[in-house]
C-alpha atoms as a PDB file:
ATOM      1  CA  MET A   1     -48.056 -25.944  48.414  1.00  0.00           C
ATOM      2  CA  THR A   2     -44.420 -25.268  47.374  1.00  0.00           C
ATOM      3  CA  ALA A   3     -43.151 -22.164  45.596  1.00  0.00           C
ATOM      4  CA  LYS A   4     -40.142 -21.200  43.641  1.00  0.00           C
ATOM      5  CA  ALA A   5     -38.727 -17.620  44.082  1.00  0.00           C
ATOM      6  CA  LYS A   6     -36.462 -16.049  41.513  1.00  0.00           C
ATOM      7  CA  GLY A   7     -35.296 -12.583  42.293  1.00  0.00           C
ATOM      8  CA  TRP A   8     -38.565 -10.870  43.317  1.00  0.00           C
ATOM      9  CA  GLY A   9     -40.590 -12.968  41.041  1.00  0.00           C
ATOM     10  CA  LEU A  10     -41.265 -16.624  39.745  1.00  0.00           C
ATOM     11  CA  VAL A  11     -43.299 -18.756  41.799  1.00  0.00           C
ATOM     12  CA  LEU A  12     -44.336 -22.246  40.680  1.00  0.00           C
ATOM     13  CA  ALA A  13     -46.744 -24.020  42.882  1.00  0.00           C
ATOM     14  CA  VAL A  14     -47.239 -27.902  43.163  1.00  0.00           C
ATOM     15  CA  CYS A  15     -50.209 -28.928  45.343  1.00  0.00           C
ATOM     16  CA  ALA A  16     -51.213 -32.532  45.703  1.00  0.00           C
ATOM     17  CA  GLY A  17     -54.628 -32.138  46.849  1.00  0.00           C
ATOM     18  CA  LEU A  18     -54.435 -35.169  49.070  1.00  0.00           C
ATOM     19  CA  TRP A  19     -57.788 -34.601  50.714  1.00  0.00           C
ATOM     20  CA  LEU A  20     -59.583 -34.693  47.187  1.00  0.00           C
ATOM     21  CA  VAL A  21     -57.585 -37.963  46.073  1.00  0.00           C
ATOM     22  CA  GLN A  22     -58.198 -39.845  49.281  1.00  0.00           C
ATOM     23  CA  ASN A  23     -61.992 -39.018  49.238  1.00  0.00           C
ATOM     24  CA  GLY A  24     -62.499 -39.367  45.444  1.00  0.00           C
ATOM     25  CA  SER A  25     -63.803 -35.886  45.443  1.00  0.00           C
ATOM     26  CA  ARG A  26     -63.660 -35.284  41.838  1.00  0.00           C
ATOM     27  CA  ASP A  27     -66.744 -33.129  41.951  1.00  0.00           C
ATOM     28  CA  VAL A  28     -65.858 -31.231  45.159  1.00  0.00           C
ATOM     29  CA  THR A  29     -63.090 -28.776  44.410  1.00  0.00           C
ATOM     30  CA  PRO A  30     -62.418 -25.294  45.914  1.00  0.00           C
ATOM     31  CA  PRO A  31     -64.474 -22.451  44.493  1.00  0.00           C
ATOM     32  CA  MET A  32     -62.814 -20.762  41.414  1.00  0.00           C
ATOM     33  CA  PRO A  33     -63.281 -16.975  40.747  1.00  0.00           C
ATOM     34  CA  SER A  34     -65.446 -15.997  37.921  1.00  0.00           C
ATOM     35  CA  ALA A  35     -64.336 -13.910  34.919  1.00  0.00           C
ATOM     36  CA  ALA A  36     -66.286 -10.945  36.666  1.00  0.00           C
ATOM     37  CA  GLU A  37     -63.779 -10.823  39.498  1.00  0.00           C
ATOM     38  CA  ALA A  38     -60.785 -10.517  37.281  1.00  0.00           C
ATOM     39  CA  PHE A  39     -59.228  -7.031  36.332  1.00  0.00           C
ATOM     40  CA  ALA A  40     -61.172  -5.419  33.760  1.00  0.00           C
ATOM     41  CA  ALA A  41     -59.788  -3.473  30.834  1.00  0.00           C
ATOM     42  CA  GLY A  42     -58.637  -0.014  31.895  1.00  0.00           C
ATOM     43  CA  PRO A  43     -57.979   0.856  35.556  1.00  0.00           C
ATOM     44  CA  ASN A  44     -56.574  -1.903  37.390  1.00  0.00           C
ATOM     45  CA  GLN A  45     -58.720  -1.303  40.470  1.00  0.00           C
ATOM     46  CA  HIS A  46     -62.431  -1.041  41.424  1.00  0.00           C
ATOM     47  CA  THR A  47     -61.527   2.049  43.521  1.00  0.00           C
ATOM     48  CA  ASP A  48     -58.739   4.677  43.596  1.00  0.00           C
ATOM     49  CA  ALA A  49     -59.199   5.321  47.278  1.00  0.00           C
ATOM     50  CA  ALA A  50     -56.069   4.278  49.137  1.00  0.00           C
ATOM     51  CA  ALA A  51     -54.561   4.955  52.613  1.00  0.00           C
ATOM     52  CA  ASP A  52     -51.118   6.081  53.132  1.00  0.00           C
ATOM     53  CA  PRO A  53     -48.689   3.263  53.726  1.00  0.00           C
ATOM     54  CA  LEU A  54     -47.712   2.432  57.271  1.00  0.00           C
ATOM     55  CA  PRO A  55     -44.326   1.784  58.734  1.00  0.00           C
ATOM     56  CA  PRO A  56     -43.148  -1.907  58.543  1.00  0.00           C
ATOM     57  CA  SER A  57     -44.465  -4.160  61.401  1.00  0.00           C
ATOM     58  CA  GLN A  58     -44.904  -7.960  61.591  1.00  0.00           C
ATOM     59  CA  PRO A  59     -48.306  -9.331  60.802  1.00  0.00           C
ATOM     60  CA  LEU A  60     -49.825 -11.441  63.481  1.00  0.00           C
ATOM     61  CA  ARG A  61     -53.283 -12.505  62.248  1.00  0.00           C
ATOM     62  CA  LEU A  62     -55.338 -12.318  59.040  1.00  0.00           C
ATOM     63  CA  ARG A  63     -59.198 -12.132  58.756  1.00  0.00           C
ATOM     64  CA  ILE A  64     -61.248 -12.376  55.751  1.00  0.00           C
ATOM     65  CA  PRO A  65     -64.794 -12.118  57.134  1.00  0.00           C
ATOM     66  CA  GLU A  66     -66.653 -13.047  53.789  1.00  0.00           C
ATOM     67  CA  ILE A  67     -65.030 -16.470  53.712  1.00  0.00           C
ATOM     68  CA  ASP A  68     -64.752 -16.915  57.416  1.00  0.00           C
ATOM     69  CA  VAL A  69     -60.960 -16.905  57.758  1.00  0.00           C
ATOM     70  CA  ASP A  70     -59.533 -15.899  60.924  1.00  0.00           C
ATOM     71  CA  ALA A  71     -55.816 -17.242  61.098  1.00  0.00           C
ATOM     72  CA  PRO A  72     -52.583 -16.582  62.835  1.00  0.00           C
ATOM     73  CA  VAL A  73     -49.764 -15.577  60.525  1.00  0.00           C
ATOM     74  CA  THR A  74     -46.360 -17.164  60.497  1.00  0.00           C
ATOM     75  CA  GLY A  75     -43.176 -15.889  58.773  1.00  0.00           C
ATOM     76  CA  LEU A  76     -41.891 -17.653  55.691  1.00  0.00           C
ATOM     77  CA  GLY A  77     -38.284 -17.578  54.408  1.00  0.00           C
ATOM     78  CA  LEU A  78     -36.647 -19.264  51.501  1.00  0.00           C
ATOM     79  CA  GLU A  79     -35.180 -22.721  51.335  1.00  0.00           C
ATOM     80  CA  ARG A  80     -31.734 -23.554  50.048  1.00  0.00           C
ATOM     81  CA  ASP A  81     -32.894 -24.078  46.598  1.00  0.00           C
ATOM     82  CA  GLY A  82     -34.666 -20.741  46.493  1.00  0.00           C
ATOM     83  CA  SER A  83     -38.208 -22.135  47.099  1.00  0.00           C
ATOM     84  CA  LEU A  84     -40.459 -20.311  49.440  1.00  0.00           C
ATOM     85  CA  GLN A  85     -41.076 -22.077  52.723  1.00  0.00           C
ATOM     86  CA  VAL A  86     -44.770 -22.736  53.273  1.00  0.00           C
ATOM     87  CA  PRO A  87     -46.804 -23.137  56.658  1.00  0.00           C
ATOM     88  CA  PRO A  88     -46.818 -26.715  58.079  1.00  0.00           C
ATOM     89  CA  ASP A  89     -49.691 -28.601  56.360  1.00  0.00           C
ATOM     90  CA  SER A  90     -50.529 -30.218  59.609  1.00  0.00           C
ATOM     91  CA  ASP A  91     -52.134 -26.900  60.653  1.00  0.00           C
ATOM     92  CA  ARG A  92     -55.251 -26.245  58.632  1.00  0.00           C
ATOM     93  CA  ASN A  93     -55.780 -22.722  59.975  1.00  0.00           C
ATOM     94  CA  LEU A  94     -52.379 -20.971  59.414  1.00  0.00           C
ATOM     95  CA  ALA A  95     -51.345 -18.373  56.817  1.00  0.00           C
ATOM     96  CA  GLY A  96     -47.742 -17.602  55.915  1.00  0.00           C
ATOM     97  CA  TRP A  97     -46.148 -14.329  55.091  1.00  0.00           C
ATOM     98  CA  PHE A  98     -42.932 -13.873  53.109  1.00  0.00           C
ATOM     99  CA  ARG A  99     -40.815 -12.116  55.949  1.00  0.00           C
ATOM    100  CA  GLU A 100     -38.060 -11.251  53.586  1.00  0.00           C
ATOM    101  CA  GLY A 101     -40.559  -9.019  51.563  1.00  0.00           C
ATOM    102  CA  THR A 102     -42.865  -6.231  52.309  1.00  0.00           C
ATOM    103  CA  ALA A 103     -44.706  -6.146  55.583  1.00  0.00           C
ATOM    104  CA  PRO A 104     -48.562  -5.951  55.044  1.00  0.00           C
ATOM    105  CA  GLY A 105     -49.608  -2.451  55.177  1.00  0.00           C
ATOM    106  CA  ALA A 106     -46.050  -0.920  54.199  1.00  0.00           C
ATOM    107  CA  GLU A 107     -45.266   0.548  50.880  1.00  0.00           C
ATOM    108  CA  GLY A 108     -44.730  -2.219  48.351  1.00  0.00           C
ATOM    109  CA  THR A 109     -46.331  -5.651  47.660  1.00  0.00           C
ATOM    110  CA  ALA A 110     -46.796  -7.982  50.518  1.00  0.00           C
ATOM    111  CA  ILE A 111     -47.098 -11.702  50.004  1.00  0.00           C
ATOM    112  CA  VAL A 112     -49.415 -14.103  52.037  1.00  0.00           C
ATOM    113  CA  ALA A 113     -49.605 -17.692  51.028  1.00  0.00           C
ATOM    114  CA  GLY A 114     -51.430 -20.801  52.590  1.00  0.00           C
ATOM    115  CA  HIS A 115     -52.625 -24.185  51.723  1.00  0.00           C
ATOM    116  CA  VAL A 116     -56.025 -24.893  50.027  1.00  0.00           C
ATOM    117  CA  ASP A 117     -56.272 -28.371  51.669  1.00  0.00           C
ATOM    118  CA  ASN A 118     -54.263 -31.053  53.597  1.00  0.00           C
ATOM    119  CA  ALA A 119     -54.981 -34.842  53.809  1.00  0.00           C
ATOM    120  CA  LYS A 120     -57.664 -34.195  56.569  1.00  0.00           C
ATOM    121  CA  GLY A 121     -59.643 -31.587  54.618  1.00  0.00           C
ATOM    122  CA  PRO A 122     -59.993 -27.908  53.654  1.00  0.00           C
ATOM    123  CA  SER A 123     -57.355 -25.505  54.877  1.00  0.00           C
ATOM    124  CA  VAL A 124     -57.189 -21.860  55.531  1.00  0.00           C
ATOM    125  CA  PHE A 125     -57.582 -20.517  51.879  1.00  0.00           C
ATOM    126  CA  TYR A 126     -59.902 -23.258  50.575  1.00  0.00           C
ATOM    127  CA  SER A 127     -62.571 -20.509  49.743  1.00  0.00           C
ATOM    128  CA  LEU A 128     -60.348 -17.822  48.422  1.00  0.00           C
ATOM    129  CA  GLY A 129     -61.714 -18.243  44.916  1.00  0.00           C
ATOM    130  CA  ALA A 130     -65.058 -17.225  46.396  1.00  0.00           C
ATOM    131  CA  LEU A 131     -63.950 -13.675  47.293  1.00  0.00           C
ATOM    132  CA  LYS A 132     -65.470 -10.740  45.368  1.00  0.00           C
ATOM    133  CA  LYS A 133     -64.106  -7.279  44.373  1.00  0.00           C
ATOM    134  CA  GLY A 134     -64.609  -4.994  47.364  1.00  0.00           C
ATOM    135  CA  ASN A 135     -64.451  -7.577  50.017  1.00  0.00           C
ATOM    136  CA  ARG A 136     -62.071  -6.789  52.818  1.00  0.00           C
ATOM    137  CA  ILE A 137     -58.878  -8.418  54.118  1.00  0.00           C
ATOM    138  CA  GLU A 138     -57.856  -7.334  57.516  1.00  0.00           C
ATOM    139  CA  ILE A 139     -54.232  -7.971  58.835  1.00  0.00           C
ATOM    140  CA  ALA A 140     -53.532  -7.265  62.735  1.00  0.00           C
ATOM    141  CA  ARG A 141     -49.874  -6.178  63.135  1.00  0.00           C
ATOM    142  CA  GLU A 142     -47.463  -6.242  66.002  1.00  0.00           C
ATOM    143  CA  ASP A 143     -47.584  -2.456  66.350  1.00  0.00           C
ATOM    144  CA  GLY A 144     -51.255  -2.725  67.473  1.00  0.00           C
ATOM    145  CA  ARG A 145     -52.795  -1.409  64.174  1.00  0.00           C
ATOM    146  CA  THR A 146     -55.052  -3.401  61.768  1.00  0.00           C
ATOM    147  CA  ALA A 147     -54.368  -2.836  58.065  1.00  0.00           C
ATOM    148  CA  VAL A 148     -57.572  -3.076  56.100  1.00  0.00           C
ATOM    149  CA  PHE A 149     -57.341  -3.913  52.458  1.00  0.00           C
ATOM    150  CA  THR A 150     -59.951  -3.880  49.673  1.00  0.00           C
ATOM    151  CA  VAL A 151     -59.903  -6.781  47.117  1.00  0.00           C
ATOM    152  CA  ASP A 152     -59.276  -5.407  43.702  1.00  0.00           C
ATOM    153  CA  ALA A 153     -59.536  -8.684  41.793  1.00  0.00           C
ATOM    154  CA  ILE A 154     -59.203 -12.384  42.067  1.00  0.00           C
ATOM    155  CA  GLU A 155     -57.649 -14.330  39.330  1.00  0.00           C
ATOM    156  CA  VAL A 156     -56.596 -17.788  38.599  1.00  0.00           C
ATOM    157  CA  TYR A 157     -53.437 -19.046  36.530  1.00  0.00           C
ATOM    158  CA  GLU A 158     -52.217 -22.132  35.154  1.00  0.00           C
ATOM    159  CA  ALA A 159     -48.731 -23.003  36.709  1.00  0.00           C
ATOM    160  CA  ASP A 160     -46.864 -22.519  33.361  1.00  0.00           C
ATOM    161  CA  ALA A 161     -48.521 -19.177  32.854  1.00  0.00           C
ATOM    162  CA  PHE A 162     -48.029 -17.569  36.177  1.00  0.00           C
ATOM    163  CA  PRO A 163     -47.501 -13.683  35.590  1.00  0.00           C
ATOM    164  CA  ASP A 164     -44.682 -13.037  37.981  1.00  0.00           C
ATOM    165  CA  ALA A 165     -44.352  -9.319  37.415  1.00  0.00           C
ATOM    166  CA  LYS A 166     -48.057  -8.730  37.798  1.00  0.00           C
ATOM    167  CA  VAL A 167     -48.334 -10.660  41.024  1.00  0.00           C
ATOM    168  CA  TYR A 168     -45.020  -9.642  42.628  1.00  0.00           C
ATOM    169  CA  GLY A 169     -43.963  -6.401  40.888  1.00  0.00           C
ATOM    170  CA  PRO A 170     -43.208  -3.318  43.163  1.00  0.00           C
ATOM    171  CA  SER A 171     -45.882  -0.673  44.090  1.00  0.00           C
ATOM    172  CA  GLU A 172     -45.670   2.886  45.530  1.00  0.00           C
ATOM    173  CA  ARG A 173     -48.654   2.149  47.636  1.00  0.00           C
ATOM    174  CA  ALA A 174     -49.344  -0.596  50.034  1.00  0.00           C
ATOM    175  CA  GLU A 175     -50.661  -3.688  48.238  1.00  0.00           C
ATOM    176  CA  LEU A 176     -51.354  -7.273  49.135  1.00  0.00           C
ATOM    177  CA  ARG A 177     -51.392 -10.670  47.252  1.00  0.00           C
ATOM    178  CA  VAL A 178     -53.106 -13.678  48.853  1.00  0.00           C
ATOM    179  CA  ILE A 179     -52.013 -17.048  47.020  1.00  0.00           C
ATOM    180  CA  THR A 180     -53.150 -20.541  47.204  1.00  0.00           C
ATOM    181  CA  CYS A 181     -53.476 -23.470  44.911  1.00  0.00           C
ATOM    182  CA  GLY A 182     -56.207 -23.893  42.295  1.00  0.00           C
ATOM    183  CA  GLY A 183     -56.851 -23.798  38.631  1.00  0.00           C
ATOM    184  CA  GLY A 184     -58.359 -27.103  38.076  1.00  0.00           C
ATOM    185  CA  PHE A 185     -57.453 -30.446  39.574  1.00  0.00           C
ATOM    186  CA  SER A 186     -56.033 -33.909  38.259  1.00  0.00           C
ATOM    187  CA  GLU A 187     -55.757 -36.821  40.461  1.00  0.00           C
ATOM    188  CA  LYS A 188     -52.302 -37.421  38.880  1.00  0.00           C
ATOM    189  CA  THR A 189     -50.746 -34.036  39.334  1.00  0.00           C
ATOM    190  CA  GLY A 190     -52.781 -32.317  41.989  1.00  0.00           C
ATOM    191  CA  TYR A 191     -53.797 -28.606  41.398  1.00  0.00           C
ATOM    192  CA  ARG A 192     -52.747 -27.150  38.050  1.00  0.00           C
ATOM    193  CA  GLY A 193     -52.082 -23.638  39.232  1.00  0.00           C
ATOM    194  CA  ASN A 194     -52.854 -20.759  41.747  1.00  0.00           C
ATOM    195  CA  VAL A 195     -55.558 -18.536  42.778  1.00  0.00           C
ATOM    196  CA  VAL A 196     -54.436 -15.001  43.527  1.00  0.00           C
ATOM    197  CA  ALA A 197     -56.389 -12.250  45.350  1.00  0.00           C
ATOM    198  CA  TYR A 198     -55.226  -8.821  44.681  1.00  0.00           C
ATOM    199  CA  GLY A 199     -55.813  -5.863  47.193  1.00  0.00           C
ATOM    200  CA  HIS A 200     -54.562  -2.533  48.293  1.00  0.00           C
ATOM    201  CA  LEU A 201     -54.650  -0.667  51.666  1.00  0.00           C
ATOM    202  CA  ILE A 202     -57.755   1.501  52.321  1.00  0.00           C
ATOM    203  CA  GLY A 203     -57.781   2.048  55.906  1.00  0.00           C
ATOM    204  CA  VAL A 204     -56.082   1.387  59.379  1.00  0.00           C
ATOM    205  CA  ARG A 205     -57.642   0.649  62.711  1.00  0.00           C
ATOM    206  CA  ALA A 206     -56.042   1.120  65.916  1.00  0.00           C
END
């Protein structure tokens, strides 16, 4: 997965899906979110309950119990061309956090990204599209606290229709975006877009 950053926005992902190509797995693709898990008309979250933002602190580990994710988190910067660095694709259980942006749990919109697969098989966010509203995402931080987020929605976008402002826009509360590849698959071009899980902070554990 590669990404292109422009200001606080534009991210374009190109994901080859080598595992699917090599195994001829045309009918075995990552789960995609249903329309029921997208934002509904009206309020943009399933609950108004929110915890006060925390001071910034580096994320160390990300857990999503409902899809059996328990992964270390590495910091990601920007390449010279402005593209977002990505976790090494050789490590199938590694998430990346955009360290030049908001820390998860702090006020603003924190960005976490990871691969959906690599040449050997499914990677950390292969099942991201199977999440449901109200599921939990937990991020253990360097300060010893764990930020607990509730999933507000899971949406899928084609690469040429990625809603930059919606995904990366600022927030006065602590919000989280978890991004991976998705949106259908072609053997010629790979994944056609991205799956994005939206969440906001609802609790903190010591």
